[in-house]
Amino acid sequence: MPLGLAELSEEPRTVEWFAFPHGATLLLCSDGVTETRDAAGEFHPIEERPRGWADVSPWKVAHKLTADLRRYTEGQQRDDITALVVRKVN
C-alpha cells in the first residue's frame, strides 16, 4: 500500500528488517519508476541499473536515474517519478 493509506487494506502489515551498513545507499522510488516501460512495453531494469552507481553521491544517483529513465523511454515518460536517495554515513 502507498504510504499513509494502509488503513484501506484489510491485509496485515509486515515489517521487514535489513542490514544498512555504513556507506550503503538506499534508493526509494514510486511506481512511476518501477513501472516505467520502453516503446516495446518492456519494463525498465530498475534492479540492475543502480548497481553501477554505487560510487557516486546520492544527488548524482537521482540525476543518473532521471537520465536513464529518459533514455529508456526515449523521452516519453508516462507517469511522474519520485525518488529518495539516502546514504548512511555513520
Protein backbone atom coordinates (compact mmCIF):
# COMPACT_ATOMS: atom_id res chain seq x y z
CA MET A 1 0.00 0.00 0.00
CA PRO A 2 1.16 3.56 -0.59
CA LEU A 3 2.47 5.39 2.44
CA GLY A 4 -0.31 6.78 4.58
CA LEU A 5 -3.04 4.60 3.02
CA ALA A 6 -2.54 1.35 4.94
CA GLU A 7 -5.97 1.62 6.56
CA LEU A 8 -7.51 1.00 3.12
CA SER A 9 -6.18 -2.56 3.13
CA GLU A 10 -7.51 -5.44 5.19
CA GLU A 11 -4.19 -7.28 4.76
CA PRO A 12 -1.96 -7.24 7.85
CA ARG A 13 1.16 -5.13 7.57
CA THR A 14 4.53 -6.82 7.65
CA VAL A 15 7.71 -5.25 8.94
CA GLU A 16 10.95 -6.45 7.41
CA TRP A 17 14.37 -5.54 8.76
CA PHE A 18 17.51 -5.43 6.65
CA ALA A 19 21.13 -4.50 7.14
CA PHE A 20 22.00 -0.92 6.25
CA PRO A 21 25.77 -0.71 6.76
CA HIS A 22 27.99 2.35 6.80
CA GLY A 23 28.40 3.74 3.28
CA ALA A 24 25.33 1.94 1.91
CA THR A 25 22.86 3.78 -0.31
CA LEU A 26 19.11 3.20 -0.24
CA LEU A 27 17.01 4.14 -3.28
CA LEU A 28 13.28 4.53 -2.60
CA CYS A 29 11.08 5.25 -5.59
CA SER A 30 7.49 5.49 -6.74
CA ASP A 31 5.62 3.29 -9.17
CA GLY A 32 6.38 5.86 -11.85
CA VAL A 33 9.93 4.49 -11.68
CA THR A 34 9.26 0.78 -11.12
CA GLU A 35 6.60 0.62 -13.84
CA THR A 36 8.48 2.58 -16.49
CA ARG A 37 8.32 0.85 -19.88
CA ASP A 38 10.03 1.40 -23.21
CA ALA A 39 8.22 1.72 -26.56
CA ALA A 40 8.03 -2.09 -26.85
CA GLY A 41 6.38 -2.37 -23.43
CA GLU A 42 9.43 -3.80 -21.64
CA PHE A 43 9.89 -2.74 -18.01
CA HIS A 44 12.94 -0.67 -17.11
CA PRO A 45 15.57 -2.88 -15.41
CA ILE A 46 15.50 -0.88 -12.17
CA GLU A 47 17.10 -3.69 -10.15
CA GLU A 48 20.17 -3.75 -12.42
CA ARG A 49 20.93 -0.11 -13.22
CA PRO A 50 21.73 1.38 -9.77
CA ARG A 51 24.42 -1.25 -9.10
CA GLY A 52 26.73 0.72 -11.37
CA TRP A 53 26.11 3.93 -9.42
CA ALA A 54 27.46 2.80 -6.04
CA ASP A 55 30.41 5.18 -6.04
CA VAL A 56 28.53 8.39 -6.83
CA SER A 57 26.83 10.81 -4.45
CA PRO A 58 23.12 10.39 -3.63
CA TRP A 59 22.43 13.62 -5.55
CA LYS A 60 24.09 12.17 -8.65
CA VAL A 61 22.22 8.87 -8.23
CA ALA A 62 18.94 10.81 -8.54
CA HIS A 63 20.22 12.58 -11.65
CA LYS A 64 21.51 9.35 -13.19
CA LEU A 65 18.15 7.66 -12.54
CA THR A 66 16.27 10.51 -14.20
CA ALA A 67 18.58 10.49 -17.23
CA ASP A 68 18.41 6.70 -17.50
CA LEU A 69 14.59 6.71 -17.44
CA ARG A 70 14.53 9.48 -20.05
CA ARG A 71 16.82 7.45 -22.34
CA TYR A 72 14.90 4.23 -21.75
CA THR A 73 11.55 5.80 -22.63
CA GLU A 74 13.03 7.98 -25.39
CA GLY A 75 11.62 10.99 -23.54
CA GLN A 76 8.11 9.56 -23.37
CA GLN A 77 7.78 9.06 -19.59
CA ARG A 78 4.07 8.45 -18.95
CA ASP A 79 3.98 8.82 -15.18
CA ASP A 80 5.53 11.09 -12.62
CA ILE A 81 8.68 9.85 -10.97
CA THR A 82 9.63 10.25 -7.35
CA ALA A 83 12.86 9.07 -5.80
CA LEU A 84 14.57 9.47 -2.47
CA VAL A 85 18.23 8.51 -2.20
CA VAL A 86 19.68 8.04 1.29
CA ARG A 87 23.28 7.19 2.18
CA LYS A 88 24.29 6.07 5.66
CA VAL A 89 27.40 7.97 6.68
CA ASN A 90 27.76 6.93 10.35
